[in-house]
Amino acid sequence: MHLPGILILVLGQLLLGCATIEVPVCESCDNQLEPANARDDEDLLHFRMLQVSAGLVPKEHASGRNRVEMRQHVTSRHSALQWLVQQAETKFLPFAAAVLLPHALAFLAAHFIMSRRSGQAVEVLHEKKEAPKSLSYIIERAGPMWLIHMLGIFSFATGAPSVEYLYLNYFARQSHPDIDCATQMAAAPCAESVMKCLKLQIIRGFALPLVQFIVGPALGALSDAFGRKPAILVIRSCLLISTTGTIAVAWFSVPIWIDFCLGFFTMIPWGAVPFAWYMDRMDHAPSIVYAVSLIEGSCIVCAAMGTALGTVLSSKMAILVEFLGRVVTLCIAVFFLPESLPAEKRMPFCWSSLMPTAAFQVLFQSPLVEKLSAISIINSFHWAGYYTMFGRFLQSSMAWTRLNSYQGGLAEHISQVLWLSLGVSFLLRAFGQTGLMVFSTCACVTSNIVQMLSSRPWHIYLSSMVLSGPSFIGNAVVAGIVGAAVPGKTQGMLQSALALVTQVAGALGPVAFATVYQLLDPTAPSAPSWTMYLYILYGALFAVPSLALTLSLRRNIERKAPGSAAEVSDAK
């Protein structure tokens, strides 16, 4: 054998050893090139030498390594894409839906409403300098409905805080039969039940706008066509049916789902038609704000009394008082409530008025009503969302008990009564209607900030005593202005439509606030302090478009009525 042949044979043996070591890296490639039935070692050696001579082994090894690297690269890209999709689903989409979208809609709506009528003039909101009529006038005109509201609020305040703990006990006792969350809120089963109850509350929140959308405008239109009393009787009957389910759970240990299902009867808009009844009975515009303040203040006194009574009663007795109150108020409505809308002032009935969207056009009849509606929607979204999560915050971070709920509610009621009875007349003279609304919104935001930074129950009590009353005053002012803005024959449709849109906003608010709260988790043991500040900022920003719309009421303008000979002038 010649020397070149010997060298080739030696190199072939060396490379064969290297190739046999690296073959497992790309077994599929070798299997494609290697003969399936090698007859002997010589043939195999010859085949390997041919591979080496042709340069196939290095290329094959490099190809296998490249394919492995490419597979790893594709896998890493797929993992990164999957991670991005997961982050988008769990964080970005909830963030965009709960944070960016609500704020964007609030700011854009405020800007659109304030700018689209610029260039037109005629001021429509005038600060009334005339003094309201006497208390005897208000009692005479509003007495029966006023009594129904006071008794209804009293009975509701007595039993409502106990109802929440019926649900907490139901879930907690599935694992600990003897636990009572009314007094053992710090126990782990009760703390775990908080989120379960929140889910049920969110479900009700989604159902509420649907019921309001179907029933509310139709009920208002029927009251405009056939009178207020029949609609009020339907409302009081529905409230009694709902409370019947609650007392069955408390006294007869029926499943909690009975109360949950019958609770949908309370979703009927119970305040719109009665408020239209008040507007029908009081035809003196300057007295409306004062009357609304007195009615709200007296109802708060009754709520405080009911809350105080609830602190000394057991849960079962407190719920029994609520049931009896519903029975008495229904009887008063049947036998003593007069009809407020005379037949000659009623709207002719038409079937199209029963459509859920028929009443919405009333909300766009003037710039004043548009702005007040937008303010009510933004505030309802903000306050409903905040106070829903605030209750969960107290239960989770301070082990808020049933007694704490009653004591905190009592502090709120005392503050609201004092400010509504003593502060409204003074603040109206000092700031006017729009100034009073600004003052109320600022007080509400300040209260929210202080409450979320509190660490002791007495912090909450003090904040409620000082700021709860001013926060509540704005509602009376808005109600009075809206009630005087439309004629009596469409009052029911206006109040129903306004109640519907605010209820929808109030149902969406808790979902948005709960989403942000869960994303930030500001009360977690390891959560940094900035998460709480960010959550507070999220809620406080909703006050900006509300305040902008409120301040624009001073410059509220609209086109003069067709045919008017007076020249338009800019509002001061």
Protein backbone atom coordinates (compact mmCIF):
# COMPACT_ATOMS: atom_id res chain seq x y z
CA MET A 1 0.00 0.00 0.00
CA HIS A 2 1.37 3.36 -0.98
CA LEU A 3 2.07 6.07 1.58
CA PRO A 4 -0.86 8.29 0.55
CA GLY A 5 -3.22 5.36 0.97
CA ILE A 6 -1.79 4.61 4.43
CA LEU A 7 -2.16 8.25 5.48
CA ILE A 8 -5.72 8.32 4.23
CA LEU A 9 -6.51 5.13 6.16
CA VAL A 10 -5.01 6.55 9.41
CA LEU A 11 -6.79 9.87 9.06
CA GLY A 12 -10.00 8.03 8.28
CA GLN A 13 -9.71 6.02 11.51
CA LEU A 14 -9.07 9.19 13.54
CA LEU A 15 -11.95 11.07 11.96
CA LEU A 16 -14.15 8.01 12.32
CA GLY A 17 -13.62 8.13 16.05
CA CYS A 18 -14.51 11.81 16.14
CA ALA A 19 -17.55 11.23 13.98
CA THR A 20 -18.80 8.37 16.15
CA ILE A 21 -18.56 10.63 19.20
CA GLU A 22 -20.52 13.47 17.61
CA VAL A 23 -23.13 11.40 15.78
CA PRO A 24 -25.81 11.61 18.54
CA VAL A 25 -25.97 15.36 18.04
CA CYS A 26 -27.84 14.76 14.80
CA GLU A 27 -29.03 11.19 14.75
CA SER A 28 -31.72 11.88 12.18
CA CYS A 29 -29.15 13.23 9.74
CA ASP A 30 -26.91 10.17 10.13
CA ASN A 31 -29.81 7.85 9.71
CA GLN A 32 -30.61 9.46 6.39
CA LEU A 33 -27.08 9.01 5.03
CA GLU A 34 -26.05 5.79 6.77
CA PRO A 35 -27.00 2.46 5.08
CA ALA A 36 -29.56 0.60 7.06
CA ASN A 37 -28.00 -2.85 6.51
CA ALA A 38 -24.17 -2.48 6.70
CA ARG A 39 -22.72 -5.87 5.89
CA ASP A 40 -19.54 -5.74 7.90
CA ASP A 41 -17.08 -3.39 9.55
CA GLU A 42 -15.09 -2.97 6.35
CA ASP A 43 -18.05 -1.71 4.44
CA LEU A 44 -18.90 0.59 7.34
CA LEU A 45 -15.32 1.86 7.44
CA HIS A 46 -15.36 2.42 3.71
CA PHE A 47 -18.63 4.31 3.96
CA ARG A 48 -17.26 6.52 6.75
CA MET A 49 -14.12 7.23 4.75
CA LEU A 50 -16.24 8.25 1.80
CA GLN A 51 -18.11 10.62 4.10
CA VAL A 52 -14.86 12.08 5.32
CA SER A 53 -13.43 12.36 1.84
CA ALA A 54 -16.54 14.17 0.61
CA GLY A 55 -16.55 16.47 3.64
CA LEU A 56 -20.03 15.31 4.75
CA VAL A 57 -19.37 14.80 8.44
CA PRO A 58 -18.32 18.40 9.28
CA LYS A 59 -21.16 19.78 7.20
CA GLU A 60 -23.59 17.35 8.76
CA HIS A 61 -22.40 18.20 12.25
CA ALA A 62 -22.65 21.91 11.56
CA SER A 63 -26.12 21.48 10.11
CA GLY A 64 -27.26 19.61 13.18
CA ARG A 65 -25.86 22.26 15.49
CA ASN A 66 -27.49 25.03 13.45
CA ARG A 67 -30.82 23.26 13.55
CA VAL A 68 -30.60 22.82 17.29
CA GLU A 69 -29.72 26.48 17.72
CA MET A 70 -32.54 27.50 15.37
CA ARG A 71 -34.97 25.31 17.30
CA GLN A 72 -33.83 26.90 20.57
CA HIS A 73 -34.14 30.37 19.01
CA VAL A 74 -37.66 29.67 17.75
CA THR A 75 -38.57 28.24 21.15
CA SER A 76 -37.22 31.31 22.93
CA ARG A 77 -39.12 33.61 20.55
CA HIS A 78 -42.29 31.61 21.14
CA SER A 79 -41.78 31.81 24.91
CA ALA A 80 -41.20 35.55 24.73
CA LEU A 81 -44.32 36.02 22.61
CA GLN A 82 -46.32 33.86 24.97
CA TRP A 83 -45.01 35.91 27.92
CA LEU A 84 -45.99 39.16 26.21
CA VAL A 85 -49.49 37.83 25.47
CA GLN A 86 -49.86 36.70 29.07
CA GLN A 87 -48.73 40.08 30.38
CA ALA A 88 -51.14 41.83 28.02
CA GLU A 89 -54.04 39.69 29.19
CA THR A 90 -53.29 39.92 32.91
CA LYS A 91 -51.98 43.47 33.21
CA PHE A 92 -52.20 45.71 30.16
CA LEU A 93 -55.78 44.99 29.11
CA PRO A 94 -57.17 45.37 32.67
CA PHE A 95 -55.04 48.49 33.09
CA ALA A 96 -56.35 49.98 29.84
CA ALA A 97 -59.98 49.04 30.55
CA ALA A 98 -60.00 50.18 34.18
CA VAL A 99 -57.60 53.14 34.12
CA LEU A 100 -57.15 54.64 30.67
CA LEU A 101 -60.67 54.20 29.28
CA PRO A 102 -62.72 55.64 32.20
CA HIS A 103 -60.47 58.68 32.59
CA ALA A 104 -60.35 59.26 28.85
CA LEU A 105 -64.13 59.12 28.55
CA ALA A 106 -64.64 61.44 31.53
CA PHE A 107 -62.21 64.08 30.26
CA LEU A 108 -63.38 63.86 26.64
CA ALA A 109 -67.06 64.06 27.60
CA ALA A 110 -66.43 67.10 29.79
CA HIS A 111 -64.45 68.81 27.03
CA PHE A 112 -67.07 68.02 24.39
CA ILE A 113 -70.01 69.28 26.46
CA MET A 114 -68.23 72.49 27.45
CA SER A 115 -66.94 73.32 23.97
CA ARG A 116 -69.69 72.34 21.55
CA ARG A 117 -71.99 75.28 22.44
CA SER A 118 -69.32 77.94 22.60
CA GLY A 119 -70.25 81.01 20.61
CA GLN A 120 -73.88 80.85 21.72
CA ALA A 121 -75.21 82.87 24.59
CA VAL A 122 -77.99 83.37 27.09
CA GLU A 123 -77.36 82.34 30.65
CA VAL A 124 -79.81 79.73 31.90
CA LEU A 125 -78.56 79.14 35.43
CA HIS A 126 -79.46 82.03 37.71
CA GLU A 127 -78.58 82.12 41.36
CA LYS A 128 -81.88 82.64 43.15
CA LYS A 129 -81.73 85.47 45.66
CA GLU A 130 -85.30 84.94 46.81
CA ALA A 131 -85.62 83.28 50.21
CA PRO A 132 -87.24 79.84 50.41
CA LYS A 133 -90.68 79.45 51.92
CA SER A 134 -91.32 78.39 55.49
CA LEU A 135 -90.93 74.96 56.98
CA SER A 136 -94.70 74.63 57.36
CA TYR A 137 -95.09 75.03 53.59
CA ILE A 138 -92.59 72.24 52.94
CA ILE A 139 -94.23 69.92 55.51
CA GLU A 140 -97.66 70.58 54.07
CA ARG A 141 -96.60 69.88 50.52
CA ALA A 142 -94.18 66.99 51.09
CA GLY A 143 -95.40 65.46 54.36
CA PRO A 144 -96.71 61.97 53.38
CA MET A 145 -93.80 61.07 51.11
CA TRP A 146 -91.39 62.58 53.60
CA LEU A 147 -92.76 60.25 56.29
CA ILE A 148 -92.43 57.23 53.99
CA HIS A 149 -88.83 58.07 53.29
CA MET A 150 -87.92 58.63 56.92
CA LEU A 151 -89.44 55.32 58.06
CA GLY A 152 -87.94 53.49 55.10
CA ILE A 153 -84.46 54.85 55.79
CA PHE A 154 -84.79 54.13 59.52
CA SER A 155 -85.68 50.50 58.98
CA PHE A 156 -83.10 50.03 56.25
CA ALA A 157 -80.29 51.50 58.40
CA THR A 158 -81.24 49.16 61.22
CA GLY A 159 -80.91 45.98 59.22
CA ALA A 160 -78.61 46.69 56.26
CA PRO A 161 -75.22 46.30 58.01
CA SER A 162 -76.33 42.92 59.36
CA VAL A 163 -77.30 41.62 55.92
CA GLU A 164 -73.72 41.79 54.70
CA TYR A 165 -72.58 39.56 57.55
CA LEU A 166 -75.25 37.00 56.64
CA TYR A 167 -73.35 36.47 53.42
CA LEU A 168 -69.96 36.46 55.13
CA ASN A 169 -71.18 33.87 57.63
CA TYR A 170 -72.63 31.73 54.87
CA PHE A 171 -69.28 31.33 53.12
CA ALA A 172 -67.15 31.21 56.29
CA ARG A 173 -69.30 28.54 57.92
CA GLN A 174 -68.79 26.15 55.04
CA SER A 175 -65.43 25.32 56.62
CA HIS A 176 -66.00 26.55 60.22
CA PRO A 177 -69.65 25.98 61.23
CA ASP A 178 -69.48 27.87 64.54
CA ILE A 179 -67.80 31.08 63.36
CA ASP A 180 -69.57 34.46 63.48
CA CYS A 181 -68.02 37.10 61.22
CA ALA A 182 -70.04 39.83 62.93
CA THR A 183 -67.63 39.58 65.88
CA GLN A 184 -64.72 37.54 64.45
CA MET A 185 -63.87 39.43 61.29
CA ALA A 186 -60.14 38.99 61.90
CA ALA A 187 -60.46 35.20 61.55
CA ALA A 188 -59.07 33.73 58.34
CA PRO A 189 -62.39 32.20 57.09
CA CYS A 190 -64.12 35.58 57.37
CA ALA A 191 -61.27 37.36 55.62
CA GLU A 192 -61.40 34.80 52.80
CA SER A 193 -65.16 35.33 52.46
CA VAL A 194 -64.71 39.03 51.70
CA MET A 195 -63.72 38.48 48.07
CA LYS A 196 -66.52 35.94 47.55
CA CYS A 197 -69.05 38.49 48.73
CA LEU A 198 -67.43 41.09 46.50
CA LYS A 199 -67.96 38.84 43.48
CA LEU A 200 -71.67 38.57 44.29
CA GLN A 201 -71.85 42.32 44.68
CA ILE A 202 -70.22 42.78 41.28
CA ILE A 203 -72.74 40.36 39.74
CA ARG A 204 -75.55 42.44 41.20
CA GLY A 205 -73.80 45.52 39.92
CA PHE A 206 -73.92 44.16 36.38
CA ALA A 207 -77.59 43.19 36.72
CA LEU A 208 -78.56 46.57 38.19
CA PRO A 209 -78.17 48.63 34.99
CA LEU A 210 -80.06 45.98 33.02
CA VAL A 211 -83.05 46.15 35.37
CA GLN A 212 -82.82 49.93 35.48
CA PHE A 213 -82.62 50.07 31.68
CA ILE A 214 -85.73 47.94 31.20
CA VAL A 215 -87.88 49.19 34.09
CA GLY A 216 -86.74 52.73 34.91
CA PRO A 217 -87.73 54.80 31.85
CA ALA A 218 -90.96 52.85 31.42
CA LEU A 219 -91.90 53.43 35.07
CA GLY A 220 -91.18 57.15 34.71
CA ALA A 221 -93.23 57.38 31.50
CA LEU A 222 -96.16 55.56 33.10
CA SER A 223 -96.06 57.94 36.07
CA ASP A 224 -96.12 60.90 33.67
CA ALA A 225 -99.16 59.43 31.92
CA PHE A 226 -101.19 57.86 34.77
CA GLY A 227 -99.94 59.56 37.93
CA ARG A 228 -97.19 59.05 40.50
CA LYS A 229 -99.07 57.02 43.14
CA PRO A 230 -99.49 53.76 41.15
CA ALA A 231 -95.78 53.73 40.34
CA ILE A 232 -94.87 54.41 43.99
CA LEU A 233 -97.03 51.49 45.13
CA VAL A 234 -95.18 49.18 42.74
CA ILE A 235 -91.86 50.42 44.11
CA ARG A 236 -92.79 49.88 47.77
CA SER A 237 -94.14 46.40 46.99
CA CYS A 238 -90.89 45.36 45.31
CA LEU A 239 -88.87 46.55 48.30
CA LEU A 240 -91.08 44.50 50.63
CA ILE A 241 -90.61 41.36 48.50
CA SER A 242 -86.83 41.71 48.68
CA THR A 243 -86.83 42.14 52.46
CA THR A 244 -89.03 39.04 52.79
CA GLY A 245 -86.18 36.97 51.37
CA THR A 246 -83.70 38.49 53.83
CA ILE A 247 -85.83 37.75 56.88
CA ALA A 248 -86.37 34.18 55.65
CA VAL A 249 -82.60 33.65 55.58
CA ALA A 250 -82.04 35.22 59.00
CA TRP A 251 -84.95 33.63 60.88
CA PHE A 252 -85.59 30.35 59.07
CA SER A 253 -82.08 29.48 57.81
CA VAL A 254 -83.12 29.16 54.19
CA PRO A 255 -80.23 29.19 51.69
CA ILE A 256 -78.63 32.56 51.12
CA TRP A 257 -79.40 32.28 47.42
CA ILE A 258 -83.08 32.95 48.16
CA ASP A 259 -82.17 36.41 49.37
CA PHE A 260 -79.74 36.86 46.49
CA CYS A 261 -82.44 36.14 43.90
CA LEU A 262 -85.19 38.18 45.59
CA GLY A 263 -82.68 40.98 46.03
CA PHE A 264 -83.09 41.80 42.35
CA PHE A 265 -86.47 43.35 43.23
CA THR A 266 -84.62 46.15 45.01
CA MET A 267 -83.01 47.09 41.71
CA ILE A 268 -86.19 48.77 40.60
CA PRO A 269 -85.49 52.53 40.52
CA TRP A 270 -87.05 53.46 43.85
CA GLY A 271 -86.01 57.13 44.01
CA ALA A 272 -86.86 58.65 40.62
CA VAL A 273 -90.67 58.69 40.76
CA PRO A 274 -90.86 59.76 44.44
CA PHE A 275 -88.53 62.65 43.66
CA ALA A 276 -90.78 63.62 40.75
CA TRP A 277 -93.63 63.56 43.30
CA TYR A 278 -91.74 66.13 45.38
CA MET A 279 -91.17 68.34 42.34
CA ASP A 280 -94.90 68.21 41.49
CA ARG A 281 -95.89 69.28 44.99
CA MET A 282 -93.40 72.16 45.40
CA ASP A 283 -93.86 74.83 42.76
CA HIS A 284 -91.54 77.39 44.33
CA ALA A 285 -88.08 77.03 42.80
CA PRO A 286 -86.00 78.68 45.57
CA SER A 287 -87.54 76.30 48.08
CA ILE A 288 -86.50 73.14 46.23
CA VAL A 289 -82.83 73.04 47.29
CA TYR A 290 -83.78 73.93 50.86
CA ALA A 291 -86.55 71.31 50.90
CA VAL A 292 -84.27 68.62 49.48
CA SER A 293 -81.69 69.46 52.15
CA LEU A 294 -84.29 69.20 54.91
CA ILE A 295 -85.64 65.92 53.60
CA GLU A 296 -82.18 64.44 53.21
CA GLY A 297 -81.15 65.73 56.62
CA SER A 298 -84.18 64.29 58.37
CA CYS A 299 -83.71 60.97 56.60
CA ILE A 300 -80.12 60.92 57.79
CA VAL A 301 -81.32 61.53 61.35
CA CYS A 302 -83.58 58.52 60.96
CA ALA A 303 -80.67 56.56 59.50
CA ALA A 304 -78.55 57.50 62.51
CA MET A 305 -81.32 56.37 64.84
CA GLY A 306 -81.67 53.12 62.94
CA THR A 307 -77.91 52.62 63.03
CA ALA A 308 -77.83 53.25 66.77
CA LEU A 309 -80.67 50.78 67.27
CA GLY A 310 -78.87 48.21 65.15
CA THR A 311 -75.81 48.33 67.39
CA VAL A 312 -77.81 46.99 70.36
CA LEU A 313 -79.92 44.45 68.45
CA SER A 314 -78.93 41.04 67.25
CA SER A 315 -78.68 40.46 63.51
CA LYS A 316 -82.03 38.64 63.44
CA MET A 317 -83.87 41.40 65.31
CA ALA A 318 -82.29 44.13 63.20
CA ILE A 319 -83.48 42.44 60.01
CA LEU A 320 -86.96 42.00 61.53
CA VAL A 321 -87.15 45.76 62.14
CA GLU A 322 -86.29 46.36 58.50
CA PHE A 323 -89.07 44.02 57.37
CA LEU A 324 -91.68 45.69 59.59
CA GLY A 325 -90.61 49.10 58.30
CA ARG A 326 -91.23 47.97 54.72
CA VAL A 327 -94.74 46.82 55.68
CA VAL A 328 -95.62 50.13 57.40
CA THR A 329 -94.34 52.30 54.53
CA LEU A 330 -96.38 50.32 52.02
CA CYS A 331 -99.51 50.85 54.12
CA ILE A 332 -98.88 54.62 54.33
CA ALA A 333 -98.47 54.78 50.56
CA VAL A 334 -101.72 52.89 50.02
CA PHE A 335 -103.94 54.84 52.43
CA PHE A 336 -102.41 58.29 52.95
CA LEU A 337 -100.31 59.30 49.94
CA PRO A 338 -102.11 61.80 47.66
CA GLU A 339 -101.67 61.93 43.93
CA SER A 340 -99.28 64.76 42.98
CA LEU A 341 -99.82 65.02 39.22
CA PRO A 342 -103.28 66.30 38.19
CA ALA A 343 -104.87 64.74 35.14
CA GLU A 344 -104.65 67.98 33.12
CA LYS A 345 -100.85 68.10 33.58
CA ARG A 346 -100.15 64.53 32.54
CA MET A 347 -98.36 63.47 29.39
CA PRO A 348 -100.52 61.60 26.85
CA PHE A 349 -99.58 57.95 26.91
CA CYS A 350 -97.99 56.29 23.90
CA TRP A 351 -96.47 52.85 23.67
CA SER A 352 -93.19 54.19 22.28
CA SER A 353 -92.55 55.93 25.60
CA LEU A 354 -92.06 52.49 27.20
CA MET A 355 -88.95 51.90 25.12
CA PRO A 356 -85.86 52.07 27.36
CA THR A 357 -84.22 54.74 25.21
CA ALA A 358 -87.27 57.00 24.96
CA ALA A 359 -86.45 59.01 28.08
CA PHE A 360 -82.83 59.72 27.14
CA GLN A 361 -83.74 62.64 24.91
CA VAL A 362 -84.84 64.54 28.02
CA LEU A 363 -81.21 64.57 29.18
CA PHE A 364 -80.19 66.56 26.09
CA GLN A 365 -82.88 69.21 26.09
CA SER A 366 -80.58 71.99 27.37
CA PRO A 367 -76.90 72.61 28.14
CA LEU A 368 -77.76 72.86 31.84
CA VAL A 369 -79.30 69.39 31.97
CA GLU A 370 -76.47 67.96 29.86
CA LYS A 371 -73.81 69.27 32.22
CA LEU A 372 -75.63 68.21 35.36
CA SER A 373 -76.17 64.75 33.88
CA ALA A 374 -72.46 64.43 33.04
CA ILE A 375 -71.51 65.57 36.56
CA SER A 376 -73.86 63.00 38.08
CA ILE A 377 -72.48 60.21 35.88
CA ILE A 378 -68.82 60.96 36.67
CA ASN A 379 -69.48 61.37 40.38
CA SER A 380 -71.56 58.19 40.52
CA PHE A 381 -68.80 56.17 38.83
CA HIS A 382 -66.18 57.64 41.14
CA TRP A 383 -68.04 57.39 44.45
CA ALA A 384 -69.67 54.01 43.86
CA GLY A 385 -66.34 52.51 42.85
CA TYR A 386 -64.44 54.07 45.72
CA TYR A 387 -66.90 53.28 48.51
CA THR A 388 -67.40 49.70 47.36
CA MET A 389 -63.68 49.01 47.59
CA PHE A 390 -63.34 51.16 50.70
CA GLY A 391 -65.55 48.75 52.62
CA ARG A 392 -63.37 45.83 51.51
CA PHE A 393 -60.26 47.84 52.41
CA LEU A 394 -61.55 48.34 55.94
CA GLN A 395 -62.47 44.68 56.37
CA SER A 396 -59.11 43.48 55.05
CA SER A 397 -56.71 45.99 56.59
CA MET A 398 -58.44 46.87 59.87
CA ALA A 399 -60.56 43.75 60.56
CA TRP A 400 -63.62 46.04 60.38
CA THR A 401 -66.36 44.46 62.47
CA ARG A 402 -70.12 44.88 62.47
CA LEU A 403 -69.86 47.23 65.45
CA ASN A 404 -67.30 49.34 63.58
CA SER A 405 -69.71 49.57 60.65
CA TYR A 406 -72.47 50.89 62.87
CA GLN A 407 -70.17 53.35 64.63
CA GLY A 408 -68.72 54.62 61.37
CA GLY A 409 -72.18 55.02 59.90
CA LEU A 410 -73.31 56.92 62.98
CA ALA A 411 -70.41 59.37 62.61
CA GLU A 412 -71.34 59.93 58.96
CA HIS A 413 -74.99 60.57 59.81
CA ILE A 414 -74.20 63.11 62.52
CA SER A 415 -71.94 65.04 60.15
CA GLN A 416 -74.47 65.00 57.33
CA VAL A 417 -77.32 66.17 59.54
CA LEU A 418 -75.34 69.08 60.92
CA TRP A 419 -74.15 70.26 57.54
CA LEU A 420 -77.51 69.81 55.78
CA SER A 421 -79.53 71.52 58.52
CA LEU A 422 -77.10 74.29 59.46
CA GLY A 423 -74.60 74.62 56.65
CA VAL A 424 -76.69 74.66 53.47
CA SER A 425 -78.34 78.04 53.94
CA PHE A 426 -75.04 79.68 54.93
CA LEU A 427 -73.03 78.09 52.13
CA LEU A 428 -75.67 78.96 49.53
CA ARG A 429 -75.47 82.61 50.51
CA ALA A 430 -71.66 82.50 50.56
CA PHE A 431 -70.87 80.45 47.45
CA GLY A 432 -74.06 80.05 45.46
CA GLN A 433 -75.19 76.77 43.95
CA THR A 434 -72.12 76.11 41.79
CA GLY A 435 -69.72 77.16 44.54
CA LEU A 436 -71.44 74.79 46.94
CA MET A 437 -71.06 71.93 44.44
CA VAL A 438 -67.33 72.69 44.09
CA PHE A 439 -66.96 72.78 47.86
CA SER A 440 -68.73 69.41 48.14
CA THR A 441 -66.57 67.72 45.49
CA CYS A 442 -63.33 68.95 47.08
CA ALA A 443 -64.49 67.74 50.50
CA CYS A 444 -65.29 64.32 49.06
CA VAL A 445 -61.86 63.92 47.45
CA THR A 446 -60.13 65.06 50.65
CA SER A 447 -62.17 62.55 52.64
CA ASN A 448 -61.19 59.73 50.29
CA ILE A 449 -57.49 60.56 50.59
CA VAL A 450 -57.58 60.74 54.38
CA GLN A 451 -59.54 57.50 54.68
CA MET A 452 -57.22 55.45 52.47
CA LEU A 453 -54.21 56.65 54.46
CA SER A 454 -55.82 55.82 57.81
CA SER A 455 -54.48 53.06 60.03
CA ARG A 456 -56.86 53.16 63.02
CA PRO A 457 -60.69 53.05 63.25
CA TRP A 458 -60.79 56.41 65.02
CA HIS A 459 -59.13 57.96 61.96
CA ILE A 460 -62.14 56.87 59.92
CA TYR A 461 -64.59 58.17 62.52
CA LEU A 462 -62.89 61.58 62.63
CA SER A 463 -62.79 61.88 58.85
CA SER A 464 -66.47 60.99 58.64
CA MET A 465 -67.45 63.53 61.29
CA VAL A 466 -65.64 66.39 59.55
CA LEU A 467 -65.96 65.65 55.83
CA SER A 468 -68.93 63.35 55.28
CA GLY A 469 -71.48 66.18 55.58
CA PRO A 470 -69.84 68.51 53.04
CA SER A 471 -69.40 65.58 50.67
CA PHE A 472 -73.13 64.93 50.79
CA ILE A 473 -74.34 68.51 50.25
CA GLY A 474 -73.64 68.52 46.52
CA ASN A 475 -76.26 65.83 45.90
CA ALA A 476 -79.02 68.05 47.25
CA VAL A 477 -77.93 70.97 45.08
CA VAL A 478 -77.78 68.87 41.91
CA ALA A 479 -81.17 67.32 42.67
CA GLY A 480 -82.74 70.73 43.21
CA ILE A 481 -81.33 72.26 40.02
CA VAL A 482 -82.24 69.27 37.85
CA GLY A 483 -85.74 69.09 39.30
CA ALA A 484 -86.40 72.73 38.41
CA ALA A 485 -84.92 72.45 34.92
CA VAL A 486 -87.80 70.63 33.17
CA PRO A 487 -91.59 70.96 33.16
CA GLY A 488 -93.65 68.75 35.46
CA LYS A 489 -95.16 66.60 32.73
CA THR A 490 -91.73 65.16 31.84
CA GLN A 491 -90.38 65.09 35.40
CA GLY A 492 -90.83 61.33 35.72
CA MET A 493 -88.96 60.60 32.48
CA LEU A 494 -86.15 62.98 33.48
CA GLN A 495 -85.66 61.47 36.93
CA SER A 496 -85.86 57.92 35.56
CA ALA A 497 -83.38 58.57 32.75
CA LEU A 498 -80.98 60.31 35.10
CA ALA A 499 -81.29 57.49 37.63
CA LEU A 500 -80.61 54.96 34.87
CA VAL A 501 -77.41 56.53 33.57
CA THR A 502 -76.08 57.13 37.07
CA GLN A 503 -76.90 53.56 38.07
CA VAL A 504 -75.01 52.26 35.04
CA ALA A 505 -72.02 54.40 36.01
CA GLY A 506 -72.38 53.27 39.61
CA ALA A 507 -72.33 49.62 38.49
CA LEU A 508 -69.22 50.02 36.36
CA GLY A 509 -67.32 52.00 38.99
CA PRO A 510 -66.79 49.09 41.43
CA VAL A 511 -65.51 46.87 38.61
CA ALA A 512 -62.92 49.46 37.55
CA PHE A 513 -61.83 50.29 41.09
CA ALA A 514 -61.64 46.60 42.05
CA THR A 515 -59.47 45.89 38.99
CA VAL A 516 -57.05 48.69 39.84
CA TYR A 517 -57.04 47.67 43.49
CA GLN A 518 -56.17 44.07 42.64
CA LEU A 519 -53.44 45.11 40.18
CA LEU A 520 -51.79 47.38 42.73
CA ASP A 521 -52.69 45.36 45.87
CA PRO A 522 -51.77 48.31 48.12
CA THR A 523 -52.57 46.49 51.39
CA ALA A 524 -50.33 43.48 50.76
CA PRO A 525 -47.66 43.01 53.48
CA SER A 526 -44.79 43.60 51.01
CA ALA A 527 -46.51 46.30 48.92
CA PRO A 528 -44.51 49.56 48.61
CA SER A 529 -46.16 52.76 49.77
CA TRP A 530 -46.36 54.19 46.27
CA THR A 531 -49.03 51.63 45.29
CA MET A 532 -51.46 53.20 47.75
CA TYR A 533 -50.62 56.70 46.52
CA LEU A 534 -51.19 55.58 42.94
CA TYR A 535 -54.57 54.08 43.84
CA ILE A 536 -55.58 57.33 45.58
CA LEU A 537 -54.49 59.35 42.55
CA TYR A 538 -56.54 57.10 40.28
CA GLY A 539 -59.72 58.00 42.15
CA ALA A 540 -58.92 61.66 42.73
CA LEU A 541 -58.43 62.36 39.02
CA PHE A 542 -62.14 61.80 38.41
CA ALA A 543 -62.82 65.02 40.32
CA VAL A 544 -61.03 67.08 37.65
CA PRO A 545 -63.65 66.77 34.84
CA SER A 546 -66.44 66.99 37.43
CA LEU A 547 -65.05 70.27 38.78
CA ALA A 548 -64.51 71.62 35.27
CA LEU A 549 -68.15 70.98 34.37
CA THR A 550 -69.34 72.44 37.67
CA LEU A 551 -67.37 75.65 37.21
CA SER A 552 -68.70 75.95 33.66
CA LEU A 553 -72.25 76.14 35.03
CA ARG A 554 -71.57 79.79 35.84
CA ARG A 555 -71.03 80.38 32.14
CA ASN A 556 -73.73 77.96 31.01
CA ILE A 557 -75.17 79.30 27.75
CA GLU A 558 -77.63 78.25 25.07
CA ARG A 559 -79.30 79.73 22.01
CA LYS A 560 -82.31 81.95 22.56
CA ALA A 561 -85.69 80.51 21.81
CA PRO A 562 -86.72 80.82 18.15
CA GLY A 563 -88.52 84.06 17.42
CA SER A 564 -87.05 85.94 20.35
CA ALA A 565 -86.37 89.58 19.55
CA ALA A 566 -83.81 90.10 22.31
CA GLU A 567 -80.20 90.16 21.41
CA VAL A 568 -77.90 87.49 22.77
CA SER A 569 -75.24 88.48 25.22
CA ASP A 570 -72.32 86.66 26.77
CA ALA A 571 -72.90 85.08 30.12
CA LYS A 572 -70.98 86.66 32.91
